[in-house]
Amino acid sequence: MFHKMSPQQSLFQVSIGMSDNIKKKLRESWAEVFRNDILYYIPEGAFAHLYANGKGRPNFPIAILVGLCLVKELHNLTDSQMFEAFYFDMLVHHALGIASGQVTLSERTMYYFRAAVAGDPAAQETFNTLTAHMIQTLGLRTDVQRLDSTQVSSNMVHLSRLGLFVQTMERFLAQVQKVFPDRIAALPPSFEKRYVDRAGYFADVTGDQSRRRLE
């Protein structure tokens, strides 16, 4: 069942108990900007169609899932580093608006979410919404381009290709295991561990390594 993230702050927010000097440093950090100008502008409603209507267990907050994916790319983290930061990095907690030690996220939830939004219009809407907000906030002009500007290519395309490869391998091997389980059993243990019984995403790498892995 779809629910938006509650705007109400927890009594156990990161800043609770900090001295004024530390709070000032927190407000001047990237986490404060991320929280105020990215997290709160993620269009959670665009992802509502991914969840069943009616009674059921509420979804994990979309804003936190999307925000954590952005933090991963912002700091060039692997998936394992991303989850570590989610649990133990106070700046990440502040950026995502969560209380330290009060929110848990399973790897399966994140991986299922990534698979569901790959190619979904909600991803493009999120990009457009956040881009429009940043342009307005920074007072940028999009009708003028500097001649010395460098075109920046997103890692999203490379990760989508990697995700497509992963799902193809998974589904192929799943079908083989159903029809010819003896052939899967005959594979070397190292092969089965790497391609069949693996945990998380295939070849967990940072964003800037994805191109090299794909090529």
Foldseek 3Di string as FASTA:
>chain_A
DEDADDPDADPQALCPPDDPVVVVVLCVDPLVCLQPQQLVQQPQVLCVVVDDDDDDDYADHPSLLVSLVVVLQVVQHWPVVSQVCVAPPNSSCSSNRHGHPPDDDDLVSSVVVVVSCLVPVSVVVRVVRSVVSVCVVVVHDPVDDDPPDDDDDDLSVLVSVQVVVLVVLAVVVVVCCVVPVVVLVPDPPVVCDQRPVDDHGHPGGTSVCSVVVVD
